[in-house]
Amino acid sequence: MILSTKLNMIKLRLKRFGKKKEASFRIVACNSTSRRDGRPLQELGFYNPRTKETRLDTEALRIRLSQGAQPTNVVRTLLEKGGLLEKIERPSIKIGKEKLLKKNKEEQSNAKKEDNS
């Protein structure tokens, strides 16, 4: 008889707390299927977007990352700023930069055409 075990991926995500319109967040490790404010497996840090204050439990974060935990985009940027992850350029940022360069070139070419007229 084979017992089926359901394996859930561990995610590093933000858990909201604080007063209304004065949100702060805890960086937590939780199952990928759990709710945003559900019970976490472990609390790993703190982030306040109003004051840009960040506190990270570096040892616990390194352990979770070595176990294969996947950070969300916002947590990834916080870990990159904290020096725990190597900074990578995500495809969405690359596409946005390309669109911005294309737009600037078009504006410059339109300005030259108007100057020549």
PDB file of N, CA and C in Angstrom:
ATOM      1  N   MET A   1       0.829  -1.171   0.000  1.00  0.00           N
ATOM      2  CA  MET A   1       0.000   0.000   0.000  1.00  0.00           C
ATOM      3  C   MET A   1       0.884   1.248   0.000  1.00  0.00           C
ATOM      4  N   ILE A   2       0.608   2.161  -0.933  1.00  0.00           N
ATOM      5  CA  ILE A   2       1.380   3.388  -1.053  1.00  0.00           C
ATOM      6  C   ILE A   2       0.574   4.536  -0.448  1.00  0.00           C
ATOM      7  N   LEU A   3       1.196   5.232   0.472  1.00  0.00           N
ATOM      8  CA  LEU A   3       0.547   6.404   1.061  1.00  0.00           C
ATOM      9  C   LEU A   3       0.889   7.616   0.209  1.00  0.00           C
ATOM     10  N   SER A   4      -0.127   8.353  -0.192  1.00  0.00           N
ATOM     11  CA  SER A   4       0.143   9.546  -0.989  1.00  0.00           C
ATOM     12  C   SER A   4       0.369  10.720  -0.048  1.00  0.00           C
ATOM     13  N   THR A   5       1.473  11.377  -0.238  1.00  0.00           N
ATOM     14  CA  THR A   5       1.777  12.567   0.552  1.00  0.00           C
ATOM     15  C   THR A   5       1.741  13.765  -0.364  1.00  0.00           C
ATOM     16  N   LYS A   6       1.047  14.767   0.070  1.00  0.00           N
ATOM     17  CA  LYS A   6       0.922  15.973  -0.732  1.00  0.00           C
ATOM     18  C   LYS A   6       2.015  16.947  -0.313  1.00  0.00           C
ATOM     19  N   LEU A   7       2.917  17.244  -1.220  1.00  0.00           N
ATOM     20  CA  LEU A   7       4.003  18.162  -0.926  1.00  0.00           C
ATOM     21  C   LEU A   7       3.622  19.565  -1.391  1.00  0.00           C
ATOM     22  N   ASN A   8       3.694  20.507  -0.481  1.00  0.00           N
ATOM     23  CA  ASN A   8       3.438  21.899  -0.823  1.00  0.00           C
ATOM     24  C   ASN A   8       4.758  22.645  -0.861  1.00  0.00           C
ATOM     25  N   MET A   9       4.859  23.534  -1.803  1.00  0.00           N
ATOM     26  CA  MET A   9       6.046  24.345  -1.910  1.00  0.00           C
ATOM     27  C   MET A   9       6.011  25.418  -0.818  1.00  0.00           C
ATOM     28  N   ILE A  10       7.160  25.703  -0.255  1.00  0.00           N
ATOM     29  CA  ILE A  10       7.259  26.748   0.761  1.00  0.00           C
ATOM     30  C   ILE A  10       7.531  28.071   0.053  1.00  0.00           C
ATOM     31  N   LYS A  11       6.745  29.087   0.400  1.00  0.00           N
ATOM     32  CA  LYS A  11       6.898  30.418  -0.171  1.00  0.00           C
ATOM     33  C   LYS A  11       7.340  31.380   0.921  1.00  0.00           C
ATOM     34  N   LEU A  12       8.191  32.325   0.551  1.00  0.00           N
ATOM     35  CA  LEU A  12       8.532  33.434   1.435  1.00  0.00           C
ATOM     36  C   LEU A  12       7.687  34.607   0.965  1.00  0.00           C
ATOM     37  N   ARG A  13       6.787  35.059   1.818  1.00  0.00           N
ATOM     38  CA  ARG A  13       5.862  36.118   1.420  1.00  0.00           C
ATOM     39  C   ARG A  13       5.653  37.099   2.551  1.00  0.00           C
ATOM     40  N   LEU A  14       4.915  38.169   2.260  1.00  0.00           N
ATOM     41  CA  LEU A  14       4.612  39.194   3.249  1.00  0.00           C
ATOM     42  C   LEU A  14       3.268  38.906   3.898  1.00  0.00           C
ATOM     43  N   LYS A  15       3.206  39.061   5.208  1.00  0.00           N
ATOM     44  CA  LYS A  15       1.965  38.915   5.965  1.00  0.00           C
ATOM     45  C   LYS A  15       1.626  40.290   6.533  1.00  0.00           C
ATOM     46  N   ARG A  16       0.442  40.788   6.188  1.00  0.00           N
ATOM     47  CA  ARG A  16       0.056  42.142   6.571  1.00  0.00           C
ATOM     48  C   ARG A  16      -0.400  42.190   8.022  1.00  0.00           C
ATOM     49  N   PHE A  17       0.001  43.246   8.720  1.00  0.00           N
ATOM     50  CA  PHE A  17      -0.524  43.523  10.046  1.00  0.00           C
ATOM     51  C   PHE A  17      -0.429  45.021  10.291  1.00  0.00           C
ATOM     52  N   GLY A  18      -1.039  45.486  11.350  1.00  0.00           N
ATOM     53  CA  GLY A  18      -1.050  46.914  11.652  1.00  0.00           C
ATOM     54  C   GLY A  18      -2.432  47.497  11.467  1.00  0.00           C
ATOM     55  N   LYS A  19      -2.536  48.798  11.727  1.00  0.00           N
ATOM     56  CA  LYS A  19      -3.828  49.467  11.630  1.00  0.00           C
ATOM     57  C   LYS A  19      -4.216  49.710  10.176  1.00  0.00           C
ATOM     58  N   LYS A  20      -5.484  50.080  10.010  1.00  0.00           N
ATOM     59  CA  LYS A  20      -5.982  50.392   8.681  1.00  0.00           C
ATOM     60  C   LYS A  20      -5.220  51.598   8.124  1.00  0.00           C
ATOM     61  N   LYS A  21      -4.800  51.511   6.881  1.00  0.00           N
ATOM     62  CA  LYS A  21      -4.040  52.539   6.173  1.00  0.00           C
ATOM     63  C   LYS A  21      -2.664  52.806   6.795  1.00  0.00           C
ATOM     64  N   GLU A  22      -2.243  51.977   7.728  1.00  0.00           N
ATOM     65  CA  GLU A  22      -0.903  52.068   8.304  1.00  0.00           C
ATOM     66  C   GLU A  22      -0.303  50.665   8.346  1.00  0.00           C
ATOM     67  N   ALA A  23      -0.271  50.041   7.213  1.00  0.00           N
ATOM     68  CA  ALA A  23       0.126  48.634   7.146  1.00  0.00           C
ATOM     69  C   ALA A  23       1.624  48.468   7.347  1.00  0.00           C
ATOM     70  N   SER A  24       1.974  47.392   8.003  1.00  0.00           N
ATOM     71  CA  SER A  24       3.339  46.898   8.093  1.00  0.00           C
ATOM     72  C   SER A  24       3.260  45.429   7.703  1.00  0.00           C
ATOM     73  N   PHE A  25       4.396  44.849   7.429  1.00  0.00           N
ATOM     74  CA  PHE A  25       4.398  43.469   6.965  1.00  0.00           C
ATOM     75  C   PHE A  25       5.453  42.658   7.693  1.00  0.00           C
ATOM     76  N   ARG A  26       5.147  41.392   7.914  1.00  0.00           N
ATOM     77  CA  ARG A  26       6.123  40.436   8.409  1.00  0.00           C
ATOM     78  C   ARG A  26       6.520  39.548   7.241  1.00  0.00           C
ATOM     79  N   ILE A  27       7.794  39.249   7.149  1.00  0.00           N
ATOM     80  CA  ILE A  27       8.261  38.300   6.137  1.00  0.00           C
ATOM     81  C   ILE A  27       8.156  36.918   6.768  1.00  0.00           C
ATOM     82  N   VAL A  28       7.369  36.048   6.135  1.00  0.00           N
ATOM     83  CA  VAL A  28       7.097  34.740   6.719  1.00  0.00           C
ATOM     84  C   VAL A  28       7.335  33.632   5.691  1.00  0.00           C
ATOM     85  N   ALA A  29       7.579  32.437   6.210  1.00  0.00           N
ATOM     86  CA  ALA A  29       7.637  31.233   5.393  1.00  0.00           C
ATOM     87  C   ALA A  29       6.330  30.488   5.625  1.00  0.00           C
ATOM     88  N   CYS A  30       5.638  30.145   4.532  1.00  0.00           N
ATOM     89  CA  CYS A  30       4.374  29.431   4.666  1.00  0.00           C
ATOM     90  C   CYS A  30       4.172  28.534   3.443  1.00  0.00           C
ATOM     91  N   ASN A  31       3.204  27.648   3.550  1.00  0.00           N
ATOM     92  CA  ASN A  31       2.874  26.789   2.421  1.00  0.00           C
ATOM     93  C   ASN A  31       2.293  27.636   1.302  1.00  0.00           C
ATOM     94  N   SER A  32       2.524  27.231   0.077  1.00  0.00           N
ATOM     95  CA  SER A  32       2.059  28.023  -1.063  1.00  0.00           C
ATOM     96  C   SER A  32       0.547  28.059  -1.167  1.00  0.00           C
ATOM     97  N   THR A  33      -0.146  27.101  -0.554  1.00  0.00           N
ATOM     98  CA  THR A  33      -1.598  27.049  -0.657  1.00  0.00           C
ATOM     99  C   THR A  33      -2.306  27.788   0.476  1.00  0.00           C
ATOM    100  N   SER A  34      -1.564  28.287   1.465  1.00  0.00           N
ATOM    101  CA  SER A  34      -2.203  28.946   2.603  1.00  0.00           C
ATOM    102  C   SER A  34      -2.565  30.392   2.274  1.00  0.00           C
ATOM    103  N   ARG A  35      -3.466  30.968   3.087  1.00  0.00           N
ATOM    104  CA  ARG A  35      -3.913  32.346   2.891  1.00  0.00           C
ATOM    105  C   ARG A  35      -2.784  33.330   3.182  1.00  0.00           C
ATOM    106  N   ARG A  36      -2.972  34.579   2.726  1.00  0.00           N
ATOM    107  CA  ARG A  36      -1.952  35.601   2.941  1.00  0.00           C
ATOM    108  C   ARG A  36      -1.707  35.833   4.423  1.00  0.00           C
ATOM    109  N   ASP A  37      -2.788  35.928   5.198  1.00  0.00           N
ATOM    110  CA  ASP A  37      -2.651  36.194   6.622  1.00  0.00           C
ATOM    111  C   ASP A  37      -2.855  34.940   7.465  1.00  0.00           C
ATOM    112  N   GLY A  38      -2.695  33.777   6.845  1.00  0.00           N
ATOM    113  CA  GLY A  38      -2.841  32.522   7.572  1.00  0.00           C
ATOM    114  C   GLY A  38      -1.660  32.276   8.490  1.00  0.00           C
ATOM    115  N   ARG A  39      -1.716  31.171   9.200  1.00  0.00           N
ATOM    116  CA  ARG A  39      -0.658  30.847  10.149  1.00  0.00           C
ATOM    117  C   ARG A  39       0.618  30.459   9.400  1.00  0.00           C
ATOM    118  N   PRO A  40       1.726  31.162   9.658  1.00  0.00           N
ATOM    119  CA  PRO A  40       2.976  30.855   8.955  1.00  0.00           C
ATOM    120  C   PRO A  40       3.731  29.707   9.610  1.00  0.00           C
ATOM    121  N   LEU A  41       4.655  29.133   8.864  1.00  0.00           N
ATOM    122  CA  LEU A  41       5.550  28.125   9.417  1.00  0.00           C
ATOM    123  C   LEU A  41       6.595  28.786  10.306  1.00  0.00           C
ATOM    124  N   GLN A  42       7.057  29.984   9.878  1.00  0.00           N
ATOM    125  CA  GLN A  42       8.112  30.676  10.610  1.00  0.00           C
ATOM    126  C   GLN A  42       8.102  32.144  10.218  1.00  0.00           C
ATOM    127  N   GLU A  43       8.357  33.038  11.180  1.00  0.00           N
ATOM    128  CA  GLU A  43       8.501  34.461  10.883  1.00  0.00           C
ATOM    129  C   GLU A  43       9.979  34.754  10.694  1.00  0.00           C
ATOM    130  N   LEU A  44      10.309  35.432   9.583  1.00  0.00           N
ATOM    131  CA  LEU A  44      11.705  35.603   9.201  1.00  0.00           C
ATOM    132  C   LEU A  44      12.164  37.055   9.168  1.00  0.00           C
ATOM    133  N   GLY A  45      11.256  37.994   9.334  1.00  0.00           N
ATOM    134  CA  GLY A  45      11.671  39.383   9.282  1.00  0.00           C
ATOM    135  C   GLY A  45      10.491  40.321   9.334  1.00  0.00           C
ATOM    136  N   PHE A  46      10.776  41.596   9.097  1.00  0.00           N
ATOM    137  CA  PHE A  46       9.801  42.662   9.228  1.00  0.00           C
ATOM    138  C   PHE A  46      10.075  43.700   8.147  1.00  0.00           C
ATOM    139  N   TYR A  47       9.000  44.312   7.599  1.00  0.00           N
ATOM    140  CA  TYR A  47       9.151  45.361   6.592  1.00  0.00           C
ATOM    141  C   TYR A  47       8.067  46.405   6.802  1.00  0.00           C
ATOM    142  N   ASN A  48       8.482  47.667   6.913  1.00  0.00           N
ATOM    143  CA  ASN A  48       7.553  48.782   7.031  1.00  0.00           C
ATOM    144  C   ASN A  48       7.722  49.659   5.794  1.00  0.00           C
ATOM    145  N   PRO A  49       6.755  49.654   4.857  1.00  0.00           N
ATOM    146  CA  PRO A  49       6.922  50.407   3.614  1.00  0.00           C
ATOM    147  C   PRO A  49       6.858  51.928   3.801  1.00  0.00           C
ATOM    148  N   ARG A  50       6.273  52.393   4.903  1.00  0.00           N
ATOM    149  CA  ARG A  50       6.175  53.847   5.114  1.00  0.00           C
ATOM    150  C   ARG A  50       7.517  54.433   5.521  1.00  0.00           C
ATOM    151  N   THR A  51       8.258  53.725   6.370  1.00  0.00           N
ATOM    152  CA  THR A  51       9.563  54.224   6.821  1.00  0.00           C
ATOM    153  C   THR A  51      10.723  53.511   6.128  1.00  0.00           C
ATOM    154  N   LYS A  52      10.408  52.547   5.275  1.00  0.00           N
ATOM    155  CA  LYS A  52      11.401  51.728   4.559  1.00  0.00           C
ATOM    156  C   LYS A  52      12.292  50.938   5.519  1.00  0.00           C
ATOM    157  N   GLU A  53      11.801  50.684   6.740  1.00  0.00           N
ATOM    158  CA  GLU A  53      12.550  49.908   7.716  1.00  0.00           C
ATOM    159  C   GLU A  53      12.427  48.424   7.384  1.00  0.00           C
ATOM    160  N   THR A  54      13.556  47.731   7.396  1.00  0.00           N
ATOM    161  CA  THR A  54      13.569  46.294   7.121  1.00  0.00           C
ATOM    162  C   THR A  54      14.469  45.609   8.132  1.00  0.00           C
ATOM    163  N   ARG A  55      13.946  44.556   8.743  1.00  0.00           N
ATOM    164  CA  ARG A  55      14.749  43.711   9.627  1.00  0.00           C
ATOM    165  C   ARG A  55      14.653  42.289   9.125  1.00  0.00           C
ATOM    166  N   LEU A  56      15.800  41.642   8.940  1.00  0.00           N
ATOM    167  CA  LEU A  56      15.824  40.288   8.395  1.00  0.00           C
ATOM    168  C   LEU A  56      16.555  39.349   9.353  1.00  0.00           C
ATOM    169  N   ASP A  57      16.005  38.164   9.551  1.00  0.00           N
ATOM    170  CA  ASP A  57      16.675  37.104  10.300  1.00  0.00           C
ATOM    171  C   ASP A  57      17.494  36.322   9.276  1.00  0.00           C
ATOM    172  N   THR A  58      18.736  36.748   9.084  1.00  0.00           N
ATOM    173  CA  THR A  58      19.539  36.236   7.975  1.00  0.00           C
ATOM    174  C   THR A  58      19.792  34.735   8.061  1.00  0.00           C
ATOM    175  N   GLU A  59      20.077  34.222   9.263  1.00  0.00           N
ATOM    176  CA  GLU A  59      20.346  32.790   9.399  1.00  0.00           C
ATOM    177  C   GLU A  59      19.131  31.956   9.006  1.00  0.00           C
ATOM    178  N   ALA A  60      17.961  32.333   9.525  1.00  0.00           N
ATOM    179  CA  ALA A  60      16.745  31.577   9.219  1.00  0.00           C
ATOM    180  C   ALA A  60      16.397  31.691   7.735  1.00  0.00           C
ATOM    181  N   LEU A  61      16.619  32.866   7.144  1.00  0.00           N
ATOM    182  CA  LEU A  61      16.342  33.046   5.720  1.00  0.00           C
ATOM    183  C   LEU A  61      17.267  32.176   4.869  1.00  0.00           C
ATOM    184  N   ARG A  62      18.544  32.125   5.236  1.00  0.00           N
ATOM    185  CA  ARG A  62      19.486  31.277   4.480  1.00  0.00           C
ATOM    186  C   ARG A  62      19.077  29.807   4.554  1.00  0.00           C
ATOM    187  N   ILE A  63      18.629  29.374   5.729  1.00  0.00           N
ATOM    188  CA  ILE A  63      18.205  27.978   5.891  1.00  0.00           C
ATOM    189  C   ILE A  63      16.999  27.697   5.004  1.00  0.00           C
ATOM    190  N   ARG A  64      15.998  28.584   5.036  1.00  0.00           N
ATOM    191  CA  ARG A  64      14.794  28.383   4.221  1.00  0.00           C
ATOM    192  C   ARG A  64      15.117  28.410   2.730  1.00  0.00           C
ATOM    193  N   LEU A  65      15.990  29.322   2.309  1.00  0.00           N
ATOM    194  CA  LEU A  65      16.355  29.384   0.889  1.00  0.00           C
ATOM    195  C   LEU A  65      17.112  28.123   0.471  1.00  0.00           C
ATOM    196  N   SER A  66      17.953  27.597   1.352  1.00  0.00           N
ATOM    197  CA  SER A  66      18.681  26.363   1.024  1.00  0.00           C
ATOM    198  C   SER A  66      17.735  25.163   0.950  1.00  0.00           C
ATOM    199  N   GLN A  67      16.593  25.235   1.652  1.00  0.00           N
ATOM    200  CA  GLN A  67      15.596  24.177   1.589  1.00  0.00           C
ATOM    201  C   GLN A  67      14.739  24.275   0.332  1.00  0.00           C
ATOM    202  N   GLY A  68      14.902  25.349  -0.439  1.00  0.00           N
ATOM    203  CA  GLY A  68      14.175  25.477  -1.693  1.00  0.00           C
ATOM    204  C   GLY A  68      12.972  26.397  -1.630  1.00  0.00           C
ATOM    205  N   ALA A  69      12.867  27.217  -0.599  1.00  0.00           N
ATOM    206  CA  ALA A  69      11.742  28.147  -0.493  1.00  0.00           C
ATOM    207  C   ALA A  69      11.838  29.197  -1.597  1.00  0.00           C
ATOM    208  N   GLN A  70      10.686  29.532  -2.190  1.00  0.00           N
ATOM    209  CA  GLN A  70      10.641  30.482  -3.286  1.00  0.00           C
ATOM    210  C   GLN A  70      10.088  31.822  -2.798  1.00  0.00           C
ATOM    211  N   PRO A  71      10.861  32.919  -2.894  1.00  0.00           N
ATOM    212  CA  PRO A  71      10.347  34.219  -2.463  1.00  0.00           C
ATOM    213  C   PRO A  71       9.440  34.835  -3.517  1.00  0.00           C
ATOM    214  N   THR A  72       8.453  35.623  -3.070  1.00  0.00           N
ATOM    215  CA  THR A  72       7.632  36.384  -4.001  1.00  0.00           C
ATOM    216  C   THR A  72       8.471  37.543  -4.533  1.00  0.00           C
ATOM    217  N   ASN A  73       7.954  38.267  -5.519  1.00  0.00           N
ATOM    218  CA  ASN A  73       8.728  39.345  -6.140  1.00  0.00           C
ATOM    219  C   ASN A  73       9.139  40.420  -5.141  1.00  0.00           C
ATOM    220  N   VAL A  74       8.216  40.836  -4.272  1.00  0.00           N
ATOM    221  CA  VAL A  74       8.526  41.898  -3.311  1.00  0.00           C
ATOM    222  C   VAL A  74       9.549  41.408  -2.291  1.00  0.00           C
ATOM    223  N   VAL A  75       9.373  40.192  -1.810  1.00  0.00           N
ATOM    224  CA  VAL A  75      10.329  39.646  -0.848  1.00  0.00           C
ATOM    225  C   VAL A  75      11.685  39.467  -1.513  1.00  0.00           C
ATOM    226  N   ARG A  76      11.700  39.080  -2.788  1.00  0.00           N
ATOM    227  CA  ARG A  76      12.972  38.931  -3.514  1.00  0.00           C
ATOM    228  C   ARG A  76      13.725  40.255  -3.559  1.00  0.00           C
ATOM    229  N   THR A  77      13.027  41.356  -3.833  1.00  0.00           N
ATOM    230  CA  THR A  77      13.707  42.657  -3.873  1.00  0.00           C
ATOM    231  C   THR A  77      14.228  43.045  -2.491  1.00  0.00           C
ATOM    232  N   LEU A  78      13.483  42.725  -1.433  1.00  0.00           N
ATOM    233  CA  LEU A  78      13.958  43.017  -0.081  1.00  0.00           C
ATOM    234  C   LEU A  78      15.198  42.194   0.250  1.00  0.00           C
ATOM    235  N   LEU A  79      15.215  40.936  -0.167  1.00  0.00           N
ATOM    236  CA  LEU A  79      16.379  40.087   0.081  1.00  0.00           C
ATOM    237  C   LEU A  79      17.578  40.531  -0.753  1.00  0.00           C
ATOM    238  N   GLU A  80      17.332  41.024  -1.955  1.00  0.00           N
ATOM    239  CA  GLU A  80      18.423  41.551  -2.785  1.00  0.00           C
ATOM    240  C   GLU A  80      19.025  42.790  -2.133  1.00  0.00           C
ATOM    241  N   LYS A  81      18.179  43.668  -1.607  1.00  0.00           N
ATOM    242  CA  LYS A  81      18.676  44.870  -0.924  1.00  0.00           C
ATOM    243  C   LYS A  81      19.429  44.506   0.346  1.00  0.00           C
ATOM    244  N   GLY A  82      18.991  43.434   1.014  1.00  0.00           N
ATOM    245  CA  GLY A  82      19.661  42.972   2.223  1.00  0.00           C
ATOM    246  C   GLY A  82      20.930  42.187   1.957  1.00  0.00           C
ATOM    247  N   GLY A  83      21.188  41.859   0.696  1.00  0.00           N
ATOM    248  CA  GLY A  83      22.407  41.147   0.326  1.00  0.00           C
ATOM    249  C   GLY A  83      22.321  39.636   0.473  1.00  0.00           C
ATOM    250  N   LEU A  84      21.124  39.096   0.658  1.00  0.00           N
ATOM    251  CA  LEU A  84      20.978  37.643   0.801  1.00  0.00           C
ATOM    252  C   LEU A  84      20.834  36.935  -0.535  1.00  0.00           C
ATOM    253  N   LEU A  85      20.352  37.642  -1.542  1.00  0.00           N
ATOM    254  CA  LEU A  85      20.193  37.063  -2.872  1.00  0.00           C
ATOM    255  C   LEU A  85      20.966  37.890  -3.879  1.00  0.00           C
ATOM    256  N   GLU A  86      21.428  37.222  -4.907  1.00  0.00           N
ATOM    257  CA  GLU A  86      22.106  37.900  -5.995  1.00  0.00           C
ATOM    258  C   GLU A  86      21.063  38.610  -6.848  1.00  0.00           C
ATOM    259  N   LYS A  87      21.336  39.851  -7.194  1.00  0.00           N
ATOM    260  CA  LYS A  87      20.365  40.635  -7.940  1.00  0.00           C
ATOM    261  C   LYS A  87      20.309  40.142  -9.386  1.00  0.00           C
ATOM    262  N   ILE A  88      19.087  39.819  -9.827  1.00  0.00           N
ATOM    263  CA  ILE A  88      18.884  39.396 -11.209  1.00  0.00           C
ATOM    264  C   ILE A  88      17.902  40.353 -11.864  1.00  0.00           C
ATOM    265  N   GLU A  89      18.026  40.510 -13.157  1.00  0.00           N
ATOM    266  CA  GLU A  89      17.098  41.374 -13.876  1.00  0.00           C
ATOM    267  C   GLU A  89      15.947  40.520 -14.382  1.00  0.00           C
ATOM    268  N   ARG A  90      14.767  40.806 -13.863  1.00  0.00           N
ATOM    269  CA  ARG A  90      13.586  40.033 -14.239  1.00  0.00           C
ATOM    270  C   ARG A  90      13.119  40.443 -15.633  1.00  0.00           C
ATOM    271  N   PRO A  91      12.461  39.537 -16.352  1.00  0.00           N
ATOM    272  CA  PRO A  91      12.014  39.825 -17.721  1.00  0.00           C
ATOM    273  C   PRO A  91      11.097  41.033 -17.813  1.00  0.00           C
ATOM    274  N   SER A  92      10.231  41.238 -16.831  1.00  0.00           N
ATOM    275  CA  SER A  92       9.310  42.365 -16.890  1.00  0.00           C
ATOM    276  C   SER A  92      10.067  43.697 -16.853  1.00  0.00           C
ATOM    277  N   ILE A  93      11.140  43.761 -16.086  1.00  0.00           N
ATOM    278  CA  ILE A  93      11.936  44.985 -16.014  1.00  0.00           C
ATOM    279  C   ILE A  93      12.663  45.203 -17.330  1.00  0.00           C
ATOM    280  N   LYS A  94      13.179  44.139 -17.910  1.00  0.00           N
ATOM    281  CA  LYS A  94      13.889  44.235 -19.179  1.00  0.00           C
ATOM    282  C   LYS A  94      12.959  44.730 -20.291  1.00  0.00           C
ATOM    283  N   ILE A  95      11.742  44.197 -20.334  1.00  0.00           N
ATOM    284  CA  ILE A  95      10.763  44.613 -21.345  1.00  0.00           C
ATOM    285  C   ILE A  95      10.390  46.076 -21.145  1.00  0.00           C
ATOM    286  N   GLY A  96      10.218  46.486 -19.882  1.00  0.00           N
ATOM    287  CA  GLY A  96       9.871  47.874 -19.587  1.00  0.00           C
ATOM    288  C   GLY A  96      10.960  48.839 -20.024  1.00  0.00           C
ATOM    289  N   LYS A  97      12.211  48.468 -19.817  1.00  0.00           N
ATOM    290  CA  LYS A  97      13.333  49.320 -20.235  1.00  0.00           C
ATOM    291  C   LYS A  97      13.381  49.440 -21.756  1.00  0.00           C
ATOM    292  N   GLU A  98      13.121  48.319 -22.452  1.00  0.00           N
ATOM    293  CA  GLU A  98      13.129  48.346 -23.914  1.00  0.00           C
ATOM    294  C   GLU A  98      12.027  49.258 -24.447  1.00  0.00           C
ATOM    295  N   LYS A  99      10.834  49.192 -23.848  1.00  0.00           N
ATOM    296  CA  LYS A  99       9.722  50.046 -24.266  1.00  0.00           C
ATOM    297  C   LYS A  99      10.050  51.514 -24.026  1.00  0.00           C
ATOM    298  N   LEU A 100      10.685  51.815 -22.896  1.00  0.00           N
ATOM    299  CA  LEU A 100      11.044  53.189 -22.575  1.00  0.00           C
ATOM    300  C   LEU A 100      12.072  53.725 -23.564  1.00  0.00           C
ATOM    301  N   LEU A 101      13.076  52.921 -23.922  1.00  0.00           N
ATOM    302  CA  LEU A 101      14.073  53.345 -24.907  1.00  0.00           C
ATOM    303  C   LEU A 101      13.430  53.589 -26.269  1.00  0.00           C
ATOM    304  N   LYS A 102      12.525  52.691 -26.678  1.00  0.00           N
ATOM    305  CA  LYS A 102      11.836  52.842 -27.959  1.00  0.00           C
ATOM    306  C   LYS A 102      11.012  54.121 -27.976  1.00  0.00           C
ATOM    307  N   LYS A 103      10.324  54.421 -26.882  1.00  0.00           N
ATOM    308  CA  LYS A 103       9.504  55.626 -26.783  1.00  0.00           C
ATOM    309  C   LYS A 103      10.370  56.882 -26.861  1.00  0.00           C
ATOM    310  N   ASN A 104      11.524  56.866 -26.178  1.00  0.00           N
ATOM    311  CA  ASN A 104      12.428  58.018 -26.213  1.00  0.00           C
ATOM    312  C   ASN A 104      12.974  58.253 -27.611  1.00  0.00           C
ATOM    313  N   LYS A 105      13.315  57.172 -28.324  1.00  0.00           N
ATOM    314  CA  LYS A 105      13.826  57.311 -29.689  1.00  0.00           C
ATOM    315  C   LYS A 105      12.763  57.908 -30.611  1.00  0.00           C
ATOM    316  N   GLU A 106      11.513  57.454 -30.444  1.00  0.00           N
ATOM    317  CA  GLU A 106      10.421  57.992 -31.258  1.00  0.00           C
ATOM    318  C   GLU A 106      10.205  59.473 -30.982  1.00  0.00           C
ATOM    319  N   GLU A 107      10.276  59.878 -29.721  1.00  0.00           N
ATOM    320  CA  GLU A 107      10.104  61.285 -29.361  1.00  0.00           C
ATOM    321  C   GLU A 107      11.225  62.131 -29.939  1.00  0.00           C
ATOM    322  N   GLN A 108      12.451  61.617 -29.895  1.00  0.00           N
ATOM    323  CA  GLN A 108      13.578  62.356 -30.455  1.00  0.00           C
ATOM    324  C   GLN A 108      13.439  62.499 -31.973  1.00  0.00           C
ATOM    325  N   SER A 109      13.031  61.440 -32.654  1.00  0.00           N
ATOM    326  CA  SER A 109      12.883  61.498 -34.102  1.00  0.00           C
ATOM    327  C   SER A 109      11.733  62.442 -34.480  1.00  0.00           C
ATOM    328  N   ASN A 110      10.640  62.452 -33.693  1.00  0.00           N
ATOM    329  CA  ASN A 110       9.540  63.389 -33.955  1.00  0.00           C
ATOM    330  C   ASN A 110       9.988  64.823 -33.730  1.00  0.00           C
ATOM    331  N   ALA A 111      10.824  65.059 -32.703  1.00  0.00           N
ATOM    332  CA  ALA A 111      11.308  66.419 -32.436  1.00  0.00           C
ATOM    333  C   ALA A 111      12.226  66.884 -33.562  1.00  0.00           C
ATOM    334  N   LYS A 112      13.046  65.997 -34.127  1.00  0.00           N
ATOM    335  CA  LYS A 112      13.927  66.377 -35.237  1.00  0.00           C
ATOM    336  C   LYS A 112      13.114  66.703 -36.486  1.00  0.00           C
ATOM    337  N   LYS A 113      12.046  65.922 -36.721  1.00  0.00           N
ATOM    338  CA  LYS A 113      11.204  66.181 -37.890  1.00  0.00           C
ATOM    339  C   LYS A 113      10.521  67.533 -37.773  1.00  0.00           C
ATOM    340  N   GLU A 114      10.074  67.898 -36.561  1.00  0.00           N
ATOM    341  CA  GLU A 114       9.419  69.185 -36.362  1.00  0.00           C
ATOM    342  C   GLU A 114      10.417  70.325 -36.508  1.00  0.00           C
ATOM    343  N   ASP A 115      11.669  70.121 -36.084  1.00  0.00           N
ATOM    344  CA  ASP A 115      12.696  71.160 -36.214  1.00  0.00           C
ATOM    345  C   ASP A 115      13.049  71.396 -37.686  1.00  0.00           C
ATOM    346  N   ASN A 116      13.052  70.330 -38.495  1.00  0.00           N
ATOM    347  CA  ASN A 116      13.402  70.451 -39.904  1.00  0.00           C
ATOM    348  C   ASN A 116      12.283  71.120 -40.711  1.00  0.00           C
ATOM    349  N   SER A 117      11.065  71.083 -40.228  1.00  0.00           N
ATOM    350  CA  SER A 117       9.934  71.647 -40.970  1.00  0.00           C
ATOM    351  C   SER A 117       9.887  73.136 -40.895  1.00  0.00           C
TER     352      SER A 117
END
